[in-house]
Amino acid sequence: MSFLQKPPPLTTSRRGNPNVPRFNAVVLGAGGVGKSALTVRFVKNSFTESYNPTIEETYRRDIFLDGERFTMEILDTAGAEQFTALNEGYIKAGHGFVLVFSLTYESSLREIDDIRQQIARIKGPDANVPIVVVGTKLDLVHEREVTRDKIRQLVNEWSLPFYETSAKQNWHVTDVFQDLLMQMRDRYKNELALHAGAKSKRKNKRRDHCVVM
């Protein structure tokens, strides 16, 4: 199944344990802000200095939250300004979103605001969509353009969690995806319960038709 095909609200992992809930997370933002570096640091715990523009790359990682195992399928997208036509498909397919801007490039915040509004339009303003906003390149202190006062202002305006990160130094990267997973788990908890109930019924049904010789 292509990521751009709309998935059921909640699915299980297509690889490994079929009982593990799987969430689709989409990483969006302008080109060159560090989306791939952030994603690869989280999934593979590695960092590369070179910059190769991404078209589309999907990663998968299992995460434990409060003792429960989940699979997160993460779509690393191209710069939003390059492939705007694909955004709607990504947004429809995603359960949660990581919106990335660079702390060294203040204009990249405008791209995030546009994407945030696009998500609200497509998902619906009352959809309670899991979103985390991420400022990258925290280690480049002398190149910083986005002030903490600006971030505090946007936290209040958008009512979304913000994280300042460095993929190079591995600062706060895991926190981003843990926060998103927590939001997705809480947002889809009713569907998780229904999913668990359906699994139990299927299991009982198999037992009912079992013949022991």
N, C-alpha and C. Protein backbone atom coordinates (compact mmCIF):
# COMPACT_ATOMS: atom_id res chain seq x y z
N MET A 1 0.84 -1.20 0.00
CA MET A 1 0.00 0.00 0.00
C MET A 1 0.87 1.24 0.00
N SER A 2 0.66 2.11 -0.92
CA SER A 2 1.41 3.36 -0.95
C SER A 2 1.04 4.22 0.24
N PHE A 3 2.03 4.98 0.73
CA PHE A 3 1.74 5.86 1.86
C PHE A 3 0.66 6.86 1.50
N LEU A 4 0.59 7.26 0.23
CA LEU A 4 -0.37 8.28 -0.18
C LEU A 4 -1.78 7.75 -0.31
N GLN A 5 -1.94 6.43 -0.26
CA GLN A 5 -3.29 5.90 -0.20
C GLN A 5 -3.80 6.08 1.23
N LYS A 6 -5.03 6.54 1.35
CA LYS A 6 -5.56 6.82 2.69
C LYS A 6 -5.68 5.52 3.47
N PRO A 7 -5.00 5.42 4.62
CA PRO A 7 -5.06 4.19 5.40
C PRO A 7 -6.30 4.18 6.28
N PRO A 8 -6.65 3.02 6.84
CA PRO A 8 -7.68 3.03 7.87
C PRO A 8 -7.19 3.87 9.04
N PRO A 9 -8.09 4.36 9.89
CA PRO A 9 -7.67 5.24 10.98
C PRO A 9 -6.57 4.64 11.85
N LEU A 10 -6.57 3.33 11.98
CA LEU A 10 -5.52 2.68 12.75
C LEU A 10 -5.23 1.34 12.12
N THR A 11 -3.96 1.04 11.90
CA THR A 11 -3.58 -0.24 11.33
C THR A 11 -2.55 -0.89 12.21
N THR A 12 -2.21 -2.14 11.91
CA THR A 12 -1.16 -2.82 12.64
C THR A 12 0.09 -2.85 11.78
N SER A 13 1.20 -3.17 12.42
CA SER A 13 2.47 -3.20 11.71
C SER A 13 2.44 -4.24 10.61
N ARG A 14 2.89 -3.83 9.43
CA ARG A 14 2.89 -4.76 8.31
C ARG A 14 4.09 -5.69 8.36
N ARG A 15 5.07 -5.39 9.20
CA ARG A 15 6.23 -6.25 9.38
C ARG A 15 6.37 -6.54 10.85
N GLY A 16 6.89 -7.71 11.16
CA GLY A 16 7.07 -8.04 12.55
C GLY A 16 5.76 -8.45 13.19
N ASN A 17 5.58 -8.10 14.43
CA ASN A 17 4.42 -8.50 15.21
C ASN A 17 3.15 -7.83 14.69
N PRO A 18 2.18 -8.60 14.20
CA PRO A 18 0.96 -7.99 13.66
C PRO A 18 0.07 -7.38 14.73
N ASN A 19 0.37 -7.62 15.99
CA ASN A 19 -0.44 -7.07 17.07
C ASN A 19 0.01 -5.68 17.51
N VAL A 20 1.07 -5.17 16.91
CA VAL A 20 1.60 -3.86 17.31
C VAL A 20 0.92 -2.75 16.51
N PRO A 21 0.26 -1.81 17.17
CA PRO A 21 -0.39 -0.70 16.44
C PRO A 21 0.63 0.12 15.68
N ARG A 22 0.26 0.55 14.47
CA ARG A 22 1.15 1.34 13.62
C ARG A 22 0.53 2.69 13.34
N PHE A 23 1.32 3.75 13.51
CA PHE A 23 0.89 5.10 13.20
C PHE A 23 1.74 5.67 12.07
N ASN A 24 1.09 6.42 11.18
CA ASN A 24 1.80 7.12 10.12
C ASN A 24 2.12 8.55 10.57
N ALA A 25 3.40 8.89 10.59
CA ALA A 25 3.85 10.24 10.94
C ALA A 25 4.48 10.87 9.71
N VAL A 26 4.17 12.13 9.44
CA VAL A 26 4.67 12.83 8.26
C VAL A 26 5.53 14.01 8.71
N VAL A 27 6.73 14.10 8.13
CA VAL A 27 7.65 15.19 8.44
C VAL A 27 7.56 16.20 7.30
N LEU A 28 7.15 17.43 7.61
CA LEU A 28 6.92 18.46 6.60
C LEU A 28 7.68 19.73 6.95
N GLY A 29 8.03 20.49 5.91
CA GLY A 29 8.72 21.75 6.12
C GLY A 29 9.44 22.17 4.85
N ALA A 30 10.04 23.33 4.87
CA ALA A 30 10.75 23.84 3.70
C ALA A 30 12.00 22.99 3.42
N GLY A 31 12.53 23.12 2.21
CA GLY A 31 13.75 22.40 1.87
C GLY A 31 14.95 22.93 2.64
N GLY A 32 15.84 22.02 3.02
CA GLY A 32 17.09 22.41 3.65
C GLY A 32 17.01 22.75 5.12
N VAL A 33 15.86 22.52 5.77
CA VAL A 33 15.75 22.89 7.19
C VAL A 33 16.21 21.77 8.12
N GLY A 34 16.45 20.58 7.57
CA GLY A 34 16.95 19.48 8.40
C GLY A 34 15.95 18.39 8.69
N LYS A 35 14.95 18.23 7.83
CA LYS A 35 13.93 17.19 8.05
C LYS A 35 14.56 15.80 8.02
N SER A 36 15.38 15.56 7.01
CA SER A 36 16.00 14.23 6.88
C SER A 36 16.99 13.96 8.00
N ALA A 37 17.78 14.97 8.36
CA ALA A 37 18.75 14.79 9.45
C ALA A 37 18.03 14.44 10.75
N LEU A 38 16.93 15.11 11.02
CA LEU A 38 16.14 14.84 12.23
C LEU A 38 15.61 13.41 12.21
N THR A 39 15.02 13.01 11.07
CA THR A 39 14.42 11.68 10.96
C THR A 39 15.45 10.58 11.06
N VAL A 40 16.56 10.73 10.32
CA VAL A 40 17.59 9.70 10.32
C VAL A 40 18.26 9.58 11.68
N ARG A 41 18.45 10.70 12.36
CA ARG A 41 19.02 10.65 13.71
C ARG A 41 18.11 9.83 14.62
N PHE A 42 16.80 10.03 14.52
CA PHE A 42 15.87 9.30 15.37
C PHE A 42 15.82 7.81 15.01
N VAL A 43 15.72 7.51 13.73
CA VAL A 43 15.51 6.13 13.30
C VAL A 43 16.80 5.32 13.35
N LYS A 44 17.91 5.91 12.87
CA LYS A 44 19.16 5.17 12.73
C LYS A 44 20.26 5.63 13.69
N ASN A 45 19.98 6.69 14.44
CA ASN A 45 20.97 7.28 15.35
C ASN A 45 22.27 7.59 14.63
N SER A 46 22.15 8.22 13.46
CA SER A 46 23.33 8.63 12.69
C SER A 46 23.12 10.03 12.14
N PHE A 47 24.22 10.66 11.74
CA PHE A 47 24.15 12.02 11.22
C PHE A 47 25.17 12.17 10.10
N THR A 48 24.76 12.85 9.03
CA THR A 48 25.68 13.14 7.94
C THR A 48 25.69 14.64 7.67
N GLU A 49 26.87 15.16 7.38
CA GLU A 49 27.01 16.59 7.13
C GLU A 49 26.50 16.98 5.74
N SER A 50 26.49 16.03 4.80
CA SER A 50 26.11 16.35 3.42
C SER A 50 24.61 16.55 3.30
N TYR A 51 24.22 17.39 2.34
CA TYR A 51 22.81 17.67 2.12
C TYR A 51 22.41 17.18 0.74
N ASN A 52 21.51 16.21 0.70
CA ASN A 52 20.95 15.71 -0.54
C ASN A 52 19.44 15.89 -0.48
N PRO A 53 18.88 16.74 -1.33
CA PRO A 53 17.43 17.00 -1.28
C PRO A 53 16.62 15.70 -1.38
N THR A 54 15.67 15.55 -0.48
CA THR A 54 14.83 14.35 -0.43
C THR A 54 13.63 14.52 -1.35
N ILE A 55 13.28 13.45 -2.05
CA ILE A 55 12.00 13.43 -2.78
C ILE A 55 10.95 12.81 -1.88
N GLU A 56 11.21 11.62 -1.41
CA GLU A 56 10.32 10.97 -0.45
C GLU A 56 11.02 9.73 0.08
N GLU A 57 11.03 9.55 1.39
CA GLU A 57 11.67 8.39 1.99
C GLU A 57 10.84 7.97 3.20
N THR A 58 10.61 6.67 3.32
CA THR A 58 9.83 6.17 4.45
C THR A 58 10.72 5.34 5.36
N TYR A 59 10.60 5.60 6.66
CA TYR A 59 11.36 4.89 7.67
C TYR A 59 10.38 4.26 8.66
N ARG A 60 10.88 3.26 9.39
CA ARG A 60 10.03 2.59 10.36
C ARG A 60 10.83 2.32 11.62
N ARG A 61 10.21 2.59 12.76
CA ARG A 61 10.87 2.27 14.03
C ARG A 61 9.83 1.91 15.07
N ASP A 62 10.13 0.91 15.88
CA ASP A 62 9.29 0.56 17.02
C ASP A 62 9.67 1.42 18.21
N ILE A 63 8.66 1.87 18.93
CA ILE A 63 8.86 2.73 20.09
C ILE A 63 8.02 2.20 21.24
N PHE A 64 8.58 2.25 22.44
CA PHE A 64 7.84 1.88 23.64
C PHE A 64 7.38 3.14 24.36
N LEU A 65 6.12 3.14 24.73
CA LEU A 65 5.54 4.26 25.47
C LEU A 65 4.71 3.71 26.61
N ASP A 66 5.10 4.05 27.84
CA ASP A 66 4.43 3.54 29.04
C ASP A 66 4.34 2.01 29.01
N GLY A 67 5.41 1.38 28.55
CA GLY A 67 5.49 -0.07 28.54
C GLY A 67 4.79 -0.75 27.39
N GLU A 68 4.17 0.02 26.51
CA GLU A 68 3.46 -0.55 25.36
C GLU A 68 4.24 -0.27 24.08
N ARG A 69 4.23 -1.24 23.19
CA ARG A 69 5.01 -1.13 21.96
C ARG A 69 4.14 -0.61 20.82
N PHE A 70 4.70 0.35 20.07
CA PHE A 70 4.04 0.90 18.89
C PHE A 70 5.05 0.93 17.74
N THR A 71 4.54 0.87 16.52
CA THR A 71 5.38 1.06 15.35
C THR A 71 5.04 2.42 14.74
N MET A 72 6.07 3.21 14.50
CA MET A 72 5.88 4.50 13.85
C MET A 72 6.49 4.43 12.45
N GLU A 73 5.66 4.65 11.45
CA GLU A 73 6.13 4.73 10.07
C GLU A 73 6.25 6.21 9.73
N ILE A 74 7.45 6.65 9.43
CA ILE A 74 7.75 8.08 9.28
C ILE A 74 8.05 8.40 7.83
N LEU A 75 7.27 9.29 7.26
CA LEU A 75 7.49 9.73 5.89
C LEU A 75 8.26 11.03 5.90
N ASP A 76 9.48 10.99 5.37
CA ASP A 76 10.32 12.17 5.22
C ASP A 76 10.06 12.74 3.83
N THR A 77 9.52 13.94 3.77
CA THR A 77 9.06 14.50 2.49
C THR A 77 10.05 15.50 1.92
N ALA A 78 9.84 15.85 0.66
CA ALA A 78 10.62 16.90 0.02
C ALA A 78 10.25 18.25 0.63
N GLY A 79 11.04 19.27 0.33
CA GLY A 79 10.70 20.61 0.76
C GLY A 79 9.32 21.00 0.29
N ALA A 80 8.52 21.52 1.19
CA ALA A 80 7.11 21.80 0.88
C ALA A 80 6.95 22.74 -0.29
N GLU A 81 7.89 23.67 -0.45
CA GLU A 81 7.77 24.63 -1.54
C GLU A 81 8.06 23.98 -2.89
N GLN A 82 8.69 22.78 -2.87
CA GLN A 82 9.03 22.10 -4.11
C GLN A 82 7.91 21.18 -4.60
N PHE A 83 7.20 20.55 -3.67
CA PHE A 83 6.19 19.56 -4.05
C PHE A 83 4.87 19.84 -3.34
N THR A 84 4.41 21.07 -3.46
CA THR A 84 3.19 21.48 -2.77
C THR A 84 1.99 20.62 -3.16
N ALA A 85 1.94 20.19 -4.42
CA ALA A 85 0.80 19.41 -4.90
C ALA A 85 0.65 18.09 -4.15
N LEU A 86 1.74 17.57 -3.60
CA LEU A 86 1.68 16.30 -2.88
C LEU A 86 1.24 16.46 -1.43
N ASN A 87 1.28 17.68 -0.93
CA ASN A 87 1.00 17.89 0.48
C ASN A 87 -0.36 17.34 0.89
N GLU A 88 -1.37 17.56 0.06
CA GLU A 88 -2.72 17.12 0.43
C GLU A 88 -2.76 15.61 0.63
N GLY A 89 -2.09 14.88 -0.27
CA GLY A 89 -2.05 13.42 -0.11
C GLY A 89 -1.33 13.00 1.15
N TYR A 90 -0.21 13.66 1.45
CA TYR A 90 0.51 13.35 2.68
C TYR A 90 -0.35 13.61 3.90
N ILE A 91 -1.04 14.74 3.89
CA ILE A 91 -1.84 15.13 5.05
C ILE A 91 -3.01 14.19 5.26
N LYS A 92 -3.66 13.79 4.18
CA LYS A 92 -4.77 12.84 4.30
C LYS A 92 -4.30 11.51 4.88
N ALA A 93 -3.09 11.10 4.52
CA ALA A 93 -2.59 9.79 4.93
C ALA A 93 -2.02 9.78 6.35
N GLY A 94 -1.66 10.95 6.87
CA GLY A 94 -0.96 10.99 8.14
C GLY A 94 -1.86 10.94 9.36
N HIS A 95 -1.37 10.26 10.39
CA HIS A 95 -2.03 10.30 11.69
C HIS A 95 -1.50 11.46 12.54
N GLY A 96 -0.23 11.83 12.31
CA GLY A 96 0.39 12.90 13.06
C GLY A 96 1.48 13.55 12.23
N PHE A 97 1.92 14.75 12.63
CA PHE A 97 2.81 15.54 11.81
C PHE A 97 3.92 16.19 12.62
N VAL A 98 5.13 16.16 12.04
CA VAL A 98 6.27 16.90 12.58
C VAL A 98 6.53 18.05 11.61
N LEU A 99 6.32 19.27 12.07
CA LEU A 99 6.51 20.46 11.23
C LEU A 99 7.85 21.07 11.57
N VAL A 100 8.75 21.10 10.58
CA VAL A 100 10.15 21.43 10.84
C VAL A 100 10.52 22.77 10.22
N PHE A 101 11.17 23.61 11.02
CA PHE A 101 11.77 24.84 10.53
C PHE A 101 13.19 24.93 11.06
N SER A 102 13.98 25.82 10.51
CA SER A 102 15.35 25.99 10.97
C SER A 102 15.45 27.21 11.87
N LEU A 103 16.09 27.04 13.01
CA LEU A 103 16.33 28.16 13.91
C LEU A 103 17.27 29.19 13.30
N THR A 104 17.96 28.81 12.23
CA THR A 104 18.89 29.72 11.57
C THR A 104 18.28 30.39 10.34
N TYR A 105 16.99 30.19 10.13
CA TYR A 105 16.35 30.67 8.90
C TYR A 105 14.91 31.07 9.23
N GLU A 106 14.72 32.31 9.67
CA GLU A 106 13.43 32.74 10.20
C GLU A 106 12.30 32.60 9.19
N SER A 107 12.58 32.80 7.93
CA SER A 107 11.51 32.73 6.93
C SER A 107 10.94 31.32 6.80
N SER A 108 11.68 30.30 7.28
CA SER A 108 11.14 28.94 7.21
C SER A 108 9.95 28.75 8.13
N LEU A 109 9.78 29.67 9.09
CA LEU A 109 8.59 29.62 9.96
C LEU A 109 7.31 29.89 9.17
N ARG A 110 7.39 30.73 8.13
CA ARG A 110 6.20 31.03 7.32
C ARG A 110 5.69 29.78 6.62
N GLU A 111 6.63 28.95 6.18
CA GLU A 111 6.25 27.69 5.54
C GLU A 111 5.48 26.81 6.51
N ILE A 112 5.94 26.78 7.76
CA ILE A 112 5.28 25.98 8.79
C ILE A 112 3.86 26.47 9.04
N ASP A 113 3.69 27.78 9.09
CA ASP A 113 2.35 28.33 9.31
C ASP A 113 1.42 27.96 8.17
N ASP A 114 1.91 28.01 6.94
CA ASP A 114 1.09 27.62 5.79
C ASP A 114 0.69 26.15 5.88
N ILE A 115 1.63 25.30 6.25
CA ILE A 115 1.34 23.86 6.37
C ILE A 115 0.35 23.61 7.49
N ARG A 116 0.55 24.29 8.61
CA ARG A 116 -0.37 24.14 9.75
C ARG A 116 -1.80 24.47 9.34
N GLN A 117 -1.97 25.55 8.60
CA GLN A 117 -3.30 25.93 8.14
C GLN A 117 -3.85 24.94 7.12
N GLN A 118 -2.97 24.40 6.30
CA GLN A 118 -3.39 23.41 5.32
C GLN A 118 -3.88 22.14 6.02
N ILE A 119 -3.19 21.71 7.07
CA ILE A 119 -3.62 20.54 7.84
C ILE A 119 -5.01 20.77 8.43
N ALA A 120 -5.23 21.95 9.00
CA ALA A 120 -6.54 22.27 9.59
C ALA A 120 -7.63 22.26 8.52
N ARG A 121 -7.31 22.74 7.34
CA ARG A 121 -8.30 22.76 6.26
C ARG A 121 -8.66 21.36 5.80
N ILE A 122 -7.65 20.50 5.65
CA ILE A 122 -7.89 19.16 5.12
C ILE A 122 -8.47 18.23 6.17
N LYS A 123 -7.94 18.27 7.37
CA LYS A 123 -8.39 17.37 8.43
C LYS A 123 -9.65 17.90 9.12
N GLY A 124 -9.85 19.22 9.07
CA GLY A 124 -10.96 19.83 9.78
C GLY A 124 -10.45 20.55 11.01
N PRO A 125 -10.98 21.73 11.30
CA PRO A 125 -10.46 22.54 12.42
C PRO A 125 -10.67 21.89 13.79
N ASP A 126 -11.61 20.96 13.88
CA ASP A 126 -11.90 20.32 15.17
C ASP A 126 -11.37 18.89 15.23
N ALA A 127 -10.44 18.55 14.36
CA ALA A 127 -9.96 17.17 14.27
C ALA A 127 -8.96 16.79 15.36
N ASN A 128 -8.46 17.79 16.11
CA ASN A 128 -7.50 17.51 17.18
C ASN A 128 -6.31 16.71 16.64
N VAL A 129 -5.70 17.22 15.59
CA VAL A 129 -4.62 16.52 14.89
C VAL A 129 -3.33 16.56 15.71
N PRO A 130 -2.68 15.42 15.92
CA PRO A 130 -1.38 15.41 16.61
C PRO A 130 -0.31 16.12 15.78
N ILE A 131 0.29 17.16 16.36
CA ILE A 131 1.31 17.94 15.67
C ILE A 131 2.40 18.33 16.68
N VAL A 132 3.65 18.26 16.23
CA VAL A 132 4.78 18.79 16.99
C VAL A 132 5.55 19.73 16.05
N VAL A 133 5.91 20.90 16.54
CA VAL A 133 6.69 21.86 15.76
C VAL A 133 8.14 21.81 16.24
N VAL A 134 9.06 21.74 15.28
CA VAL A 134 10.46 21.50 15.61
C VAL A 134 11.37 22.54 14.97
N GLY A 135 12.17 23.21 15.79
CA GLY A 135 13.23 24.06 15.30
C GLY A 135 14.53 23.29 15.32
N THR A 136 15.23 23.24 14.18
CA THR A 136 16.46 22.46 14.06
C THR A 136 17.70 23.35 14.15
N LYS A 137 18.86 22.68 14.17
CA LYS A 137 20.17 23.35 14.14
C LYS A 137 20.42 24.22 15.37
N LEU A 138 19.99 23.70 16.52
CA LEU A 138 20.18 24.41 17.78
C LEU A 138 21.66 24.62 18.09
N ASP A 139 22.52 23.76 17.57
CA ASP A 139 23.95 23.87 17.85
C ASP A 139 24.60 25.06 17.14
N LEU A 140 23.94 25.59 16.10
CA LEU A 140 24.52 26.73 15.37
C LEU A 140 24.12 28.04 16.05
N VAL A 141 24.66 28.23 17.22
CA VAL A 141 24.25 29.34 18.09
C VAL A 141 24.45 30.70 17.42
N HIS A 142 25.54 30.88 16.75
CA HIS A 142 25.88 32.20 16.19
C HIS A 142 25.14 32.49 14.88
N GLU A 143 24.44 31.48 14.35
CA GLU A 143 23.67 31.68 13.12
C GLU A 143 22.17 31.78 13.39
N ARG A 144 21.80 31.71 14.64
CA ARG A 144 20.39 31.68 15.00
C ARG A 144 19.67 32.98 14.64
N GLU A 145 18.48 32.82 14.01
CA GLU A 145 17.64 33.96 13.66
C GLU A 145 16.31 33.97 14.40
N VAL A 146 15.82 32.80 14.79
CA VAL A 146 14.52 32.69 15.47
C VAL A 146 14.74 32.78 16.98
N THR A 147 14.21 33.81 17.58
CA THR A 147 14.42 34.02 19.02
C THR A 147 13.47 33.15 19.84
N ARG A 148 13.85 32.96 21.08
CA ARG A 148 12.97 32.19 21.99
C ARG A 148 11.69 32.98 22.29
N ASP A 149 11.78 34.29 22.28
CA ASP A 149 10.57 35.10 22.46
C ASP A 149 9.58 34.84 21.33
N LYS A 150 10.09 34.72 20.11
CA LYS A 150 9.22 34.42 18.97
C LYS A 150 8.57 33.05 19.13
N ILE A 151 9.34 32.10 19.60
CA ILE A 151 8.80 30.75 19.80
C ILE A 151 7.74 30.75 20.89
N ARG A 152 7.99 31.45 21.98
CA ARG A 152 6.99 31.53 23.04
C ARG A 152 5.70 32.16 22.53
N GLN A 153 5.83 33.16 21.68
CA GLN A 153 4.66 33.80 21.08
C GLN A 153 3.85 32.81 20.26
N LEU A 154 4.54 32.00 19.45
CA LEU A 154 3.84 31.04 18.59
C LEU A 154 3.25 29.89 19.39
N VAL A 155 3.91 29.49 20.47
CA VAL A 155 3.34 28.46 21.34
C VAL A 155 1.96 28.91 21.84
N ASN A 156 1.86 30.16 22.23
CA ASN A 156 0.59 30.70 22.72
C ASN A 156 -0.43 30.84 21.59
N GLU A 157 0.02 31.27 20.42
CA GLU A 157 -0.90 31.50 19.30
C GLU A 157 -1.43 30.19 18.71
N TRP A 158 -0.54 29.21 18.57
CA TRP A 158 -0.90 27.98 17.88
C TRP A 158 -1.34 26.87 18.83
N SER A 159 -1.01 27.00 20.10
CA SER A 159 -1.31 25.95 21.10
C SER A 159 -0.74 24.60 20.67
N LEU A 160 0.51 24.63 20.25
CA LEU A 160 1.21 23.42 19.83
C LEU A 160 2.55 23.32 20.57
N PRO A 161 3.02 22.09 20.81
CA PRO A 161 4.34 21.94 21.44
C PRO A 161 5.46 22.27 20.46
N PHE A 162 6.46 22.98 20.93
CA PHE A 162 7.65 23.33 20.15
C PHE A 162 8.86 22.67 20.80
N TYR A 163 9.78 22.20 19.97
CA TYR A 163 11.05 21.67 20.45
C TYR A 163 12.19 22.31 19.67
N GLU A 164 13.26 22.65 20.38
CA GLU A 164 14.49 23.07 19.73
C GLU A 164 15.44 21.87 19.73
N THR A 165 15.98 21.53 18.56
CA THR A 165 16.74 20.30 18.43
C THR A 165 18.05 20.52 17.69
N SER A 166 18.93 19.55 17.83
CA SER A 166 20.12 19.46 17.00
C SER A 166 20.30 18.00 16.62
N ALA A 167 20.14 17.68 15.33
CA ALA A 167 20.37 16.31 14.89
C ALA A 167 21.86 15.96 15.00
N LYS A 168 22.71 16.93 14.77
CA LYS A 168 24.16 16.69 14.84
C LYS A 168 24.57 16.29 16.25
N GLN A 169 24.07 17.01 17.23
CA GLN A 169 24.43 16.73 18.63
C GLN A 169 23.45 15.77 19.31
N ASN A 170 22.41 15.40 18.61
CA ASN A 170 21.35 14.53 19.15
C ASN A 170 20.69 15.14 20.38
N TRP A 171 20.35 16.41 20.27
CA TRP A 171 19.67 17.11 21.35
C TRP A 171 18.16 17.11 21.11
N HIS A 172 17.42 16.50 22.02
CA HIS A 172 15.95 16.55 22.08
C HIS A 172 15.26 15.89 20.87
N VAL A 173 15.99 15.11 20.09
CA VAL A 173 15.38 14.48 18.92
C VAL A 173 14.35 13.43 19.33
N THR A 174 14.71 12.57 20.25
CA THR A 174 13.78 11.53 20.70
C THR A 174 12.54 12.15 21.34
N ASP A 175 12.72 13.27 22.05
CA ASP A 175 11.58 13.94 22.69
C ASP A 175 10.50 14.30 21.69
N VAL A 176 10.92 14.72 20.50
CA VAL A 176 9.96 15.12 19.45
C VAL A 176 9.03 13.97 19.11
N PHE A 177 9.62 12.81 18.82
CA PHE A 177 8.82 11.68 18.35
C PHE A 177 8.06 11.00 19.49
N GLN A 178 8.61 11.05 20.69
CA GLN A 178 7.87 10.54 21.85
C GLN A 178 6.62 11.38 22.09
N ASP A 179 6.76 12.71 21.98
CA ASP A 179 5.61 13.60 22.16
C ASP A 179 4.56 13.31 21.10
N LEU A 180 4.99 13.18 19.85
CA LEU A 180 4.03 12.90 18.78
C LEU A 180 3.34 11.57 18.99
N LEU A 181 4.08 10.55 19.38
CA LEU A 181 3.48 9.25 19.63
C LEU A 181 2.45 9.32 20.75
N MET A 182 2.77 10.05 21.80
CA MET A 182 1.83 10.20 22.91
C MET A 182 0.54 10.86 22.43
N GLN A 183 0.68 11.90 21.61
CA GLN A 183 -0.50 12.57 21.06
C GLN A 183 -1.32 11.62 20.19
N MET A 184 -0.65 10.85 19.34
CA MET A 184 -1.37 9.94 18.45
C MET A 184 -2.05 8.83 19.23
N ARG A 185 -1.38 8.31 20.23
CA ARG A 185 -2.01 7.28 21.06
C ARG A 185 -3.26 7.81 21.75
N ASP A 186 -3.16 9.02 22.31
CA ASP A 186 -4.31 9.58 23.00
C ASP A 186 -5.42 9.97 22.03
N ARG A 187 -5.03 10.48 20.86
CA ARG A 187 -6.02 10.89 19.87
C ARG A 187 -6.81 9.70 19.34
N TYR A 188 -6.15 8.57 19.17
CA TYR A 188 -6.80 7.40 18.57
C TYR A 188 -7.07 6.29 19.60
N LYS A 189 -7.17 6.66 20.88
CA LYS A 189 -7.32 5.63 21.92
C LYS A 189 -8.61 4.84 21.77
N ASN A 190 -9.69 5.50 21.30
CA ASN A 190 -10.94 4.76 21.10
C ASN A 190 -10.78 3.72 19.99
N GLU A 191 -10.08 4.10 18.93
CA GLU A 191 -9.86 3.16 17.84
C GLU A 191 -8.90 2.05 18.25
N LEU A 192 -7.94 2.39 19.12
CA LEU A 192 -7.07 1.35 19.66
C LEU A 192 -7.87 0.32 20.45
N ALA A 193 -8.83 0.81 21.24
CA ALA A 193 -9.67 -0.10 22.03
C ALA A 193 -10.53 -0.97 21.12
N LEU A 194 -11.11 -0.36 20.09
CA LEU A 194 -11.91 -1.13 19.14
C LEU A 194 -11.07 -2.16 18.42
N HIS A 195 -9.86 -1.76 18.06
CA HIS A 195 -8.95 -2.65 17.36
C HIS A 195 -8.61 -3.85 18.25
N ALA A 196 -8.34 -3.59 19.54
CA ALA A 196 -8.03 -4.67 20.47
C ALA A 196 -9.22 -5.60 20.65
N GLY A 197 -10.42 -4.99 20.70
CA GLY A 197 -11.63 -5.81 20.83
C GLY A 197 -11.85 -6.70 19.63
N ALA A 198 -11.59 -6.17 18.44
CA ALA A 198 -11.75 -6.95 17.22
C ALA A 198 -10.77 -8.11 17.19
N LYS A 199 -9.54 -7.87 17.64
CA LYS A 199 -8.54 -8.93 17.68
C LYS A 199 -8.99 -10.04 18.63
N SER A 200 -9.54 -9.63 19.79
CA SER A 200 -9.99 -10.60 20.77
C SER A 200 -11.13 -11.46 20.22
N LYS A 201 -12.06 -10.83 19.50
CA LYS A 201 -13.17 -11.57 18.91
C LYS A 201 -12.68 -12.58 17.88
N ARG A 202 -11.72 -12.13 17.04
CA ARG A 202 -11.19 -13.04 16.03
C ARG A 202 -10.48 -14.23 16.68
N LYS A 203 -9.76 -13.93 17.76
CA LYS A 203 -9.05 -14.99 18.47
C LYS A 203 -10.02 -15.99 19.08
N ASN A 204 -11.10 -15.48 19.70
CA ASN A 204 -12.09 -16.35 20.30
C ASN A 204 -12.82 -17.18 19.25
N LYS A 205 -13.06 -16.54 18.09
CA LYS A 205 -13.75 -17.25 17.02
C LYS A 205 -12.91 -18.42 16.53
N ARG A 206 -11.60 -18.20 16.42
CA ARG A 206 -10.72 -19.30 16.01
C ARG A 206 -10.74 -20.41 17.05
N ARG A 207 -10.81 -20.04 18.31
CA ARG A 207 -10.86 -21.07 19.36
C ARG A 207 -12.15 -21.85 19.29
N ASP A 208 -13.28 -21.17 18.99
CA ASP A 208 -14.57 -21.84 18.94
C ASP A 208 -14.60 -22.91 17.86
N HIS A 209 -13.84 -22.72 16.80
CA HIS A 209 -13.87 -23.66 15.69
C HIS A 209 -12.70 -24.64 15.73
N CYS A 210 -11.98 -24.62 16.83
CA CYS A 210 -10.83 -25.50 16.96
C CYS A 210 -11.29 -26.90 17.39
N VAL A 211 -10.75 -27.92 16.74
CA VAL A 211 -11.05 -29.31 17.10
C VAL A 211 -9.77 -29.97 17.57
N VAL A 212 -9.79 -30.48 18.80
CA VAL A 212 -8.61 -31.13 19.36
C VAL A 212 -8.76 -32.63 19.20
N MET A 213 -7.82 -33.25 18.53
CA MET A 213 -7.86 -34.69 18.27
C MET A 213 -6.98 -35.42 19.29
